[in-house]
Every structure is written in C-alpha cells, then in structure tokens.
PDB file of N, CA and C in Angstrom:
ATOM      1  N   MET A   1      11.932  -2.481 -63.664  1.00  0.00           N
ATOM      2  CA  MET A   1      12.058  -3.248 -64.857  1.00  0.00           C
ATOM      3  C   MET A   1      13.409  -3.975 -64.898  1.00  0.00           C
ATOM      4  N   SER A   2      13.384  -5.135 -65.455  1.00  0.00           N
ATOM      5  CA  SER A   2      14.605  -6.006 -65.515  1.00  0.00           C
ATOM      6  C   SER A   2      15.196  -5.899 -66.906  1.00  0.00           C
ATOM      7  N   ILE A   3      15.906  -4.865 -67.211  1.00  0.00           N
ATOM      8  CA  ILE A   3      16.437  -4.668 -68.538  1.00  0.00           C
ATOM      9  C   ILE A   3      17.486  -5.729 -68.936  1.00  0.00           C
ATOM     10  N   PHE A   4      18.371  -6.061 -68.045  1.00  0.00           N
ATOM     11  CA  PHE A   4      19.408  -7.055 -68.364  1.00  0.00           C
ATOM     12  C   PHE A   4      18.788  -8.443 -68.487  1.00  0.00           C
ATOM     13  N   GLU A   5      17.827  -8.727 -67.650  1.00  0.00           N
ATOM     14  CA  GLU A   5      17.146  -9.996 -67.740  1.00  0.00           C
ATOM     15  C   GLU A   5      16.364 -10.125 -69.029  1.00  0.00           C
ATOM     16  N   SER A   6      15.717  -9.038 -69.449  1.00  0.00           N
ATOM     17  CA  SER A   6      14.998  -9.053 -70.701  1.00  0.00           C
ATOM     18  C   SER A   6      15.951  -9.158 -71.905  1.00  0.00           C
ATOM     19  N   ILE A   7      17.101  -8.532 -71.878  1.00  0.00           N
ATOM     20  CA  ILE A   7      18.072  -8.682 -72.979  1.00  0.00           C
ATOM     21  C   ILE A   7      18.513 -10.162 -73.069  1.00  0.00           C
ATOM     22  N   MET A   8      18.794 -10.776 -71.892  1.00  0.00           N
ATOM     23  CA  MET A   8      19.210 -12.180 -71.889  1.00  0.00           C
ATOM     24  C   MET A   8      18.095 -13.067 -72.530  1.00  0.00           C
ATOM     25  N   LEU A   9      16.862 -12.800 -72.133  1.00  0.00           N
ATOM     26  CA  LEU A   9      15.768 -13.651 -72.648  1.00  0.00           C
ATOM     27  C   LEU A   9      15.531 -13.407 -74.133  1.00  0.00           C
ATOM     28  N   ILE A  10      15.724 -12.187 -74.562  1.00  0.00           N
ATOM     29  CA  ILE A  10      15.539 -11.923 -75.997  1.00  0.00           C
ATOM     30  C   ILE A  10      16.647 -12.576 -76.805  1.00  0.00           C
ATOM     31  N   CYS A  11      17.848 -12.553 -76.270  1.00  0.00           N
ATOM     32  CA  CYS A  11      18.986 -13.210 -77.035  1.00  0.00           C
ATOM     33  C   CYS A  11      18.778 -14.689 -77.035  1.00  0.00           C
ATOM     34  N   PHE A  12      18.414 -15.332 -75.913  1.00  0.00           N
ATOM     35  CA  PHE A  12      18.198 -16.798 -75.920  1.00  0.00           C
ATOM     36  C   PHE A  12      16.956 -17.104 -76.769  1.00  0.00           C
ATOM     37  N   GLY A  13      15.916 -16.259 -76.695  1.00  0.00           N
ATOM     38  CA  GLY A  13      14.723 -16.509 -77.399  1.00  0.00           C
ATOM     39  C   GLY A  13      14.920 -16.433 -78.904  1.00  0.00           C
ATOM     40  N   ALA A  14      15.836 -15.679 -79.362  1.00  0.00           N
ATOM     41  CA  ALA A  14      16.104 -15.512 -80.798  1.00  0.00           C
ATOM     42  C   ALA A  14      16.619 -16.835 -81.389  1.00  0.00           C
ATOM     43  N   SER A  15      17.217 -17.687 -80.603  1.00  0.00           N
ATOM     44  CA  SER A  15      17.787 -18.974 -81.127  1.00  0.00           C
ATOM     45  C   SER A  15      16.716 -20.077 -81.197  1.00  0.00           C
ATOM     46  N   TRP A  16      15.669 -20.010 -80.476  1.00  0.00           N
ATOM     47  CA  TRP A  16      14.699 -21.112 -80.395  1.00  0.00           C
ATOM     48  C   TRP A  16      13.971 -21.288 -81.694  1.00  0.00           C
ATOM     49  N   PRO A  17      13.489 -20.207 -82.358  1.00  0.00           N
ATOM     50  CA  PRO A  17      12.842 -20.422 -83.679  1.00  0.00           C
ATOM     51  C   PRO A  17      13.776 -21.102 -84.698  1.00  0.00           C
ATOM     52  N   LEU A  18      15.031 -20.790 -84.660  1.00  0.00           N
ATOM     53  CA  LEU A  18      15.946 -21.473 -85.556  1.00  0.00           C
ATOM     54  C   LEU A  18      16.146 -22.974 -85.235  1.00  0.00           C
ATOM     55  N   ALA A  19      16.177 -23.274 -83.939  1.00  0.00           N
ATOM     56  CA  ALA A  19      16.271 -24.686 -83.541  1.00  0.00           C
ATOM     57  C   ALA A  19      14.982 -25.453 -83.932  1.00  0.00           C
ATOM     58  N   ILE A  20      13.850 -24.798 -83.728  1.00  0.00           N
ATOM     59  CA  ILE A  20      12.605 -25.488 -84.129  1.00  0.00           C
ATOM     60  C   ILE A  20      12.516 -25.690 -85.613  1.00  0.00           C
ATOM     61  N   LEU A  21      12.905 -24.710 -86.392  1.00  0.00           N
ATOM     62  CA  LEU A  21      12.920 -24.830 -87.876  1.00  0.00           C
ATOM     63  C   LEU A  21      13.842 -25.878 -88.316  1.00  0.00           C
ATOM     64  N   LYS A  22      15.029 -25.997 -87.712  1.00  0.00           N
ATOM     65  CA  LYS A  22      15.993 -27.040 -88.066  1.00  0.00           C
ATOM     66  C   LYS A  22      15.454 -28.430 -87.803  1.00  0.00           C
ATOM     67  N   THR A  23      14.785 -28.617 -86.693  1.00  0.00           N
ATOM     68  CA  THR A  23      14.212 -29.918 -86.281  1.00  0.00           C
ATOM     69  C   THR A  23      13.101 -30.223 -87.268  1.00  0.00           C
ATOM     70  N   TRP A  24      12.263 -29.263 -87.575  1.00  0.00           N
ATOM     71  CA  TRP A  24      11.092 -29.494 -88.440  1.00  0.00           C
ATOM     72  C   TRP A  24      11.531 -29.828 -89.895  1.00  0.00           C
ATOM     73  N   ARG A  25      12.567 -29.090 -90.427  1.00  0.00           N
ATOM     74  CA  ARG A  25      13.017 -29.302 -91.788  1.00  0.00           C
ATOM     75  C   ARG A  25      13.763 -30.627 -91.880  1.00  0.00           C
ATOM     76  N   ALA A  26      14.644 -30.926 -90.906  1.00  0.00           N
ATOM     77  CA  ALA A  26      15.468 -32.122 -91.023  1.00  0.00           C
ATOM     78  C   ALA A  26      14.680 -33.402 -90.735  1.00  0.00           C
ATOM     79  N   LYS A  27      13.651 -33.244 -89.904  1.00  0.00           N
ATOM     80  CA  LYS A  27      12.813 -34.398 -89.490  1.00  0.00           C
ATOM     81  C   LYS A  27      13.687 -35.512 -88.872  1.00  0.00           C
ATOM     82  N   ASN A  28      14.833 -35.120 -88.359  1.00  0.00           N
ATOM     83  CA  ASN A  28      15.761 -36.077 -87.769  1.00  0.00           C
ATOM     84  C   ASN A  28      16.517 -35.281 -86.652  1.00  0.00           C
ATOM     85  N   PRO A  29      16.098 -35.530 -85.393  1.00  0.00           N
ATOM     86  CA  PRO A  29      16.707 -34.783 -84.288  1.00  0.00           C
ATOM     87  C   PRO A  29      18.054 -35.259 -83.794  1.00  0.00           C
ATOM     88  N   VAL A  30      18.859 -35.774 -84.689  1.00  0.00           N
ATOM     89  CA  VAL A  30      20.196 -36.229 -84.307  1.00  0.00           C
ATOM     90  C   VAL A  30      21.015 -35.054 -83.695  1.00  0.00           C
ATOM     91  N   GLY A  31      21.605 -35.278 -82.605  1.00  0.00           N
ATOM     92  CA  GLY A  31      22.382 -34.232 -81.954  1.00  0.00           C
ATOM     93  C   GLY A  31      21.560 -33.451 -80.932  1.00  0.00           C
ATOM     94  N   LYS A  32      20.278 -33.627 -80.914  1.00  0.00           N
ATOM     95  CA  LYS A  32      19.401 -32.924 -79.915  1.00  0.00           C
ATOM     96  C   LYS A  32      19.502 -33.690 -78.608  1.00  0.00           C
ATOM     97  N   SER A  33      19.554 -32.973 -77.542  1.00  0.00           N
ATOM     98  CA  SER A  33      19.586 -33.571 -76.185  1.00  0.00           C
ATOM     99  C   SER A  33      18.325 -33.282 -75.469  1.00  0.00           C
ATOM    100  N   LEU A  34      17.490 -34.327 -75.306  1.00  0.00           N
ATOM    101  CA  LEU A  34      16.255 -34.079 -74.562  1.00  0.00           C
ATOM    102  C   LEU A  34      16.496 -33.742 -73.099  1.00  0.00           C
ATOM    103  N   PRO A  35      17.486 -34.330 -72.410  1.00  0.00           N
ATOM    104  CA  PRO A  35      17.751 -33.861 -71.067  1.00  0.00           C
ATOM    105  C   PRO A  35      18.146 -32.357 -70.981  1.00  0.00           C
ATOM    106  N   PHE A  36      18.913 -31.896 -71.960  1.00  0.00           N
ATOM    107  CA  PHE A  36      19.255 -30.483 -72.001  1.00  0.00           C
ATOM    108  C   PHE A  36      17.984 -29.645 -72.186  1.00  0.00           C
ATOM    109  N   LEU A  37      17.140 -30.007 -73.127  1.00  0.00           N
ATOM    110  CA  LEU A  37      15.906 -29.231 -73.360  1.00  0.00           C
ATOM    111  C   LEU A  37      14.994 -29.230 -72.108  1.00  0.00           C
ATOM    112  N   TYR A  38      14.935 -30.357 -71.420  1.00  0.00           N
ATOM    113  CA  TYR A  38      14.153 -30.387 -70.180  1.00  0.00           C
ATOM    114  C   TYR A  38      14.750 -29.496 -69.110  1.00  0.00           C
ATOM    115  N   LEU A  39      16.055 -29.438 -69.005  1.00  0.00           N
ATOM    116  CA  LEU A  39      16.725 -28.538 -68.023  1.00  0.00           C
ATOM    117  C   LEU A  39      16.442 -27.046 -68.387  1.00  0.00           C
ATOM    118  N   VAL A  40      16.452 -26.778 -69.663  1.00  0.00           N
ATOM    119  CA  VAL A  40      16.179 -25.369 -70.088  1.00  0.00           C
ATOM    120  C   VAL A  40      14.740 -25.027 -69.786  1.00  0.00           C
ATOM    121  N   ILE A  41      13.832 -25.939 -70.048  1.00  0.00           N
ATOM    122  CA  ILE A  41      12.411 -25.615 -69.765  1.00  0.00           C
ATOM    123  C   ILE A  41      12.137 -25.481 -68.263  1.00  0.00           C
ATOM    124  N   ILE A  42      12.806 -26.299 -67.462  1.00  0.00           N
ATOM    125  CA  ILE A  42      12.683 -26.142 -66.001  1.00  0.00           C
ATOM    126  C   ILE A  42      13.166 -24.738 -65.584  1.00  0.00           C
ATOM    127  N   GLY A  43      14.262 -24.278 -66.157  1.00  0.00           N
ATOM    128  CA  GLY A  43      14.814 -22.949 -65.860  1.00  0.00           C
ATOM    129  C   GLY A  43      13.787 -21.871 -66.217  1.00  0.00           C
ATOM    130  N   TYR A  44      13.213 -21.986 -67.419  1.00  0.00           N
ATOM    131  CA  TYR A  44      12.216 -20.968 -67.848  1.00  0.00           C
ATOM    132  C   TYR A  44      10.954 -21.016 -66.970  1.00  0.00           C
ATOM    133  N   VAL A  45      10.515 -22.189 -66.584  1.00  0.00           N
ATOM    134  CA  VAL A  45       9.322 -22.297 -65.715  1.00  0.00           C
ATOM    135  C   VAL A  45       9.662 -21.685 -64.382  1.00  0.00           C
ATOM    136  N   ALA A  46      10.846 -21.929 -63.850  1.00  0.00           N
ATOM    137  CA  ALA A  46      11.269 -21.307 -62.561  1.00  0.00           C
ATOM    138  C   ALA A  46      11.294 -19.771 -62.695  1.00  0.00           C
ATOM    139  N   GLY A  47      11.760 -19.301 -63.837  1.00  0.00           N
ATOM    140  CA  GLY A  47      11.728 -17.858 -64.044  1.00  0.00           C
ATOM    141  C   GLY A  47      10.292 -17.282 -64.061  1.00  0.00           C
ATOM    142  N   CYS A  48       9.392 -18.042 -64.712  1.00  0.00           N
ATOM    143  CA  CYS A  48       7.983 -17.629 -64.752  1.00  0.00           C
ATOM    144  C   CYS A  48       7.395 -17.567 -63.323  1.00  0.00           C
ATOM    145  N   LEU A  49       7.701 -18.632 -62.516  1.00  0.00           N
ATOM    146  CA  LEU A  49       7.181 -18.678 -61.166  1.00  0.00           C
ATOM    147  C   LEU A  49       7.746 -17.561 -60.317  1.00  0.00           C
ATOM    148  N   HIS A  50       8.989 -17.279 -60.532  1.00  0.00           N
ATOM    149  CA  HIS A  50       9.620 -16.140 -59.761  1.00  0.00           C
ATOM    150  C   HIS A  50       8.917 -14.839 -60.058  1.00  0.00           C
ATOM    151  N   LYS A  51       8.661 -14.635 -61.357  1.00  0.00           N
ATOM    152  CA  LYS A  51       7.906 -13.410 -61.759  1.00  0.00           C
ATOM    153  C   LYS A  51       6.550 -13.387 -61.188  1.00  0.00           C
ATOM    154  N   ILE A  52       5.823 -14.474 -61.127  1.00  0.00           N
ATOM    155  CA  ILE A  52       4.456 -14.504 -60.605  1.00  0.00           C
ATOM    156  C   ILE A  52       4.517 -14.270 -59.102  1.00  0.00           C
ATOM    157  N   TYR A  53       5.365 -14.880 -58.346  1.00  0.00           N
ATOM    158  CA  TYR A  53       5.304 -14.842 -56.901  1.00  0.00           C
ATOM    159  C   TYR A  53       6.099 -13.746 -56.239  1.00  0.00           C
ATOM    160  N   TYR A  54       7.232 -13.259 -56.898  1.00  0.00           N
ATOM    161  CA  TYR A  54       8.081 -12.321 -56.205  1.00  0.00           C
ATOM    162  C   TYR A  54       8.302 -10.994 -56.909  1.00  0.00           C
ATOM    163  N   ASN A  55       8.331 -11.001 -58.220  1.00  0.00           N
ATOM    164  CA  ASN A  55       8.712  -9.756 -58.884  1.00  0.00           C
ATOM    165  C   ASN A  55       7.952  -9.577 -60.237  1.00  0.00           C
ATOM    166  N   TRP A  56       6.691  -9.372 -60.194  1.00  0.00           N
ATOM    167  CA  TRP A  56       5.887  -9.350 -61.385  1.00  0.00           C
ATOM    168  C   TRP A  56       6.251  -8.154 -62.272  1.00  0.00           C
ATOM    169  N   ASP A  57       6.570  -8.406 -63.503  1.00  0.00           N
ATOM    170  CA  ASP A  57       6.709  -7.342 -64.504  1.00  0.00           C
ATOM    171  C   ASP A  57       6.525  -8.031 -65.903  1.00  0.00           C
ATOM    172  N   TRP A  58       6.639  -7.235 -66.952  1.00  0.00           N
ATOM    173  CA  TRP A  58       6.399  -7.744 -68.285  1.00  0.00           C
ATOM    174  C   TRP A  58       7.404  -8.782 -68.768  1.00  0.00           C
ATOM    175  N   VAL A  59       8.507  -8.898 -68.103  1.00  0.00           N
ATOM    176  CA  VAL A  59       9.535  -9.886 -68.471  1.00  0.00           C
ATOM    177  C   VAL A  59       8.957 -11.335 -68.363  1.00  0.00           C
ATOM    178  N   PHE A  60       7.895 -11.455 -67.532  1.00  0.00           N
ATOM    179  CA  PHE A  60       7.166 -12.764 -67.419  1.00  0.00           C
ATOM    180  C   PHE A  60       6.808 -13.270 -68.796  1.00  0.00           C
ATOM    181  N   PHE A  61       6.376 -12.427 -69.665  1.00  0.00           N
ATOM    182  CA  PHE A  61       5.930 -12.841 -71.002  1.00  0.00           C
ATOM    183  C   PHE A  61       7.057 -13.306 -71.847  1.00  0.00           C
ATOM    184  N   LEU A  62       8.269 -12.791 -71.623  1.00  0.00           N
ATOM    185  CA  LEU A  62       9.488 -13.305 -72.359  1.00  0.00           C
ATOM    186  C   LEU A  62       9.762 -14.730 -71.874  1.00  0.00           C
ATOM    187  N   TYR A  63       9.681 -14.928 -70.554  1.00  0.00           N
ATOM    188  CA  TYR A  63       9.875 -16.276 -70.028  1.00  0.00           C
ATOM    189  C   TYR A  63       8.843 -17.258 -70.572  1.00  0.00           C
ATOM    190  N   LEU A  64       7.607 -16.815 -70.646  1.00  0.00           N
ATOM    191  CA  LEU A  64       6.515 -17.627 -71.129  1.00  0.00           C
ATOM    192  C   LEU A  64       6.706 -17.975 -72.643  1.00  0.00           C
ATOM    193  N   LEU A  65       7.085 -16.968 -73.438  1.00  0.00           N
ATOM    194  CA  LEU A  65       7.300 -17.202 -74.855  1.00  0.00           C
ATOM    195  C   LEU A  65       8.459 -18.194 -75.075  1.00  0.00           C
ATOM    196  N   ASN A  66       9.549 -18.014 -74.343  1.00  0.00           N
ATOM    197  CA  ASN A  66      10.665 -18.955 -74.454  1.00  0.00           C
ATOM    198  C   ASN A  66      10.265 -20.364 -74.002  1.00  0.00           C
ATOM    199  N   THR A  67       9.499 -20.452 -72.947  1.00  0.00           N
ATOM    200  CA  THR A  67       9.015 -21.731 -72.452  1.00  0.00           C
ATOM    201  C   THR A  67       8.219 -22.433 -73.577  1.00  0.00           C
ATOM    202  N   LEU A  68       7.358 -21.743 -74.238  1.00  0.00           N
ATOM    203  CA  LEU A  68       6.502 -22.292 -75.304  1.00  0.00           C
ATOM    204  C   LEU A  68       7.350 -22.729 -76.470  1.00  0.00           C
ATOM    205  N   MET A  69       8.410 -21.984 -76.780  1.00  0.00           N
ATOM    206  CA  MET A  69       9.267 -22.361 -77.913  1.00  0.00           C
ATOM    207  C   MET A  69      10.088 -23.581 -77.590  1.00  0.00           C
ATOM    208  N   VAL A  70      10.593 -23.718 -76.368  1.00  0.00           N
ATOM    209  CA  VAL A  70      11.345 -24.897 -75.978  1.00  0.00           C
ATOM    210  C   VAL A  70      10.382 -26.116 -75.950  1.00  0.00           C
ATOM    211  N   LEU A  71       9.182 -25.916 -75.463  1.00  0.00           N
ATOM    212  CA  LEU A  71       8.198 -26.966 -75.444  1.00  0.00           C
ATOM    213  C   LEU A  71       7.869 -27.445 -76.840  1.00  0.00           C
ATOM    214  N   THR A  72       7.801 -26.542 -77.801  1.00  0.00           N
ATOM    215  CA  THR A  72       7.596 -26.922 -79.206  1.00  0.00           C
ATOM    216  C   THR A  72       8.763 -27.739 -79.709  1.00  0.00           C
ATOM    217  N   ASP A  73       9.960 -27.320 -79.367  1.00  0.00           N
ATOM    218  CA  ASP A  73      11.120 -28.092 -79.823  1.00  0.00           C
ATOM    219  C   ASP A  73      11.191 -29.491 -79.223  1.00  0.00           C
ATOM    220  N   ILE A  74      10.754 -29.575 -77.907  1.00  0.00           N
ATOM    221  CA  ILE A  74      10.689 -30.917 -77.267  1.00  0.00           C
ATOM    222  C   ILE A  74       9.691 -31.778 -77.927  1.00  0.00           C
ATOM    223  N   VAL A  75       8.457 -31.261 -78.217  1.00  0.00           N
ATOM    224  CA  VAL A  75       7.450 -32.046 -78.891  1.00  0.00           C
ATOM    225  C   VAL A  75       7.916 -32.512 -80.248  1.00  0.00           C
ATOM    226  N   LEU A  76       8.492 -31.652 -81.046  1.00  0.00           N
ATOM    227  CA  LEU A  76       8.950 -32.050 -82.364  1.00  0.00           C
ATOM    228  C   LEU A  76      10.075 -33.088 -82.231  1.00  0.00           C
ATOM    229  N   THR A  77      10.986 -32.890 -81.316  1.00  0.00           N
ATOM    230  CA  THR A  77      12.077 -33.843 -81.161  1.00  0.00           C
ATOM    231  C   THR A  77      11.591 -35.218 -80.752  1.00  0.00           C
ATOM    232  N   GLN A  78      10.680 -35.256 -79.822  1.00  0.00           N
ATOM    233  CA  GLN A  78      10.106 -36.559 -79.424  1.00  0.00           C
ATOM    234  C   GLN A  78       9.344 -37.186 -80.545  1.00  0.00           C
ATOM    235  N   TYR A  79       8.594 -36.433 -81.289  1.00  0.00           N
ATOM    236  CA  TYR A  79       7.788 -36.961 -82.390  1.00  0.00           C
ATOM    237  C   TYR A  79       8.719 -37.628 -83.440  1.00  0.00           C
ATOM    238  N   TYR A  80       9.785 -36.900 -83.808  1.00  0.00           N
ATOM    239  CA  TYR A  80      10.646 -37.398 -84.844  1.00  0.00           C
ATOM    240  C   TYR A  80      11.498 -38.544 -84.357  1.00  0.00           C
ATOM    241  N   ILE A  81      11.845 -38.600 -83.103  1.00  0.00           N
ATOM    242  CA  ILE A  81      12.537 -39.753 -82.509  1.00  0.00           C
ATOM    243  C   ILE A  81      11.676 -40.999 -82.627  1.00  0.00           C
ATOM    244  N   ARG A  82      10.422 -40.844 -82.224  1.00  0.00           N
ATOM    245  CA  ARG A  82       9.459 -42.005 -82.315  1.00  0.00           C
ATOM    246  C   ARG A  82       9.193 -42.406 -83.708  1.00  0.00           C
ATOM    247  N   LYS A  83       8.990 -41.427 -84.581  1.00  0.00           N
ATOM    248  CA  LYS A  83       8.727 -41.688 -85.979  1.00  0.00           C
ATOM    249  C   LYS A  83       9.920 -42.397 -86.657  1.00  0.00           C
ATOM    250  N   ASN A  84      11.126 -41.947 -86.359  1.00  0.00           N
ATOM    251  CA  ASN A  84      12.320 -42.586 -86.964  1.00  0.00           C
ATOM    252  C   ASN A  84      12.592 -43.958 -86.464  1.00  0.00           C
ATOM    253  N   ARG A  85      12.193 -44.266 -85.212  1.00  0.00           N
ATOM    254  CA  ARG A  85      12.323 -45.584 -84.662  1.00  0.00           C
ATOM    255  C   ARG A  85      11.396 -46.572 -85.312  1.00  0.00           C
ATOM    256  N   ALA A  86      10.213 -46.075 -85.708  1.00  0.00           N
ATOM    257  CA  ALA A  86       9.213 -46.911 -86.324  1.00  0.00           C
ATOM    258  C   ALA A  86       9.554 -47.321 -87.725  1.00  0.00           C
ATOM    259  N   ILE A  87      10.437 -46.602 -88.320  1.00  0.00           N
ATOM    260  CA  ILE A  87      10.806 -46.879 -89.755  1.00  0.00           C
ATOM    261  C   ILE A  87      11.704 -48.020 -89.864  1.00  0.00           C
TER     262      ILE A  87
END
C-alpha cells in the first residue's frame, strides 16, 4: 500500500472541491490558469496509468477522483471564459 502517496492525493484532493465551488459561484475564472490545470490533469492521468500498468492498488481511485475533479474545474473554467467573452 502507498500510504504516503495516498496522503498526498487526499491533501491535494481536498482543495479541488473548493476550487470548483469558487469557479461555479463567481462565474468568472479570473486568475485561473488553464495550462496549469492541464499540467495537473496530465500528472493525475500519468499516476492512473502507473497504477494500472505497474503497481495496482486502491490509490488508483484517489488518482481517478482527483482527475475527475480537475476535469470538472477545466470544463467550468472554459465554459465561463467563453460565456464571459460572448457578453
């Protein structure tokens, strides 16, 4: 089991719901960096692939959950960027 890896993912994962909520409430993603979010999601996908191919354990699901939360933040950010440009 990867206890330190799981602690890291839980700590990082705790911040994503707050980031999503902030984007959703503000409806204005000023200060959000899409390149940063894409780099983070690439890292989480790489972690998922590592777990699938080399070291399968339950930590895979933490990577997957974090990936889905970052993807949600990316979708919301892109939506509000496009919506705010149209106004």
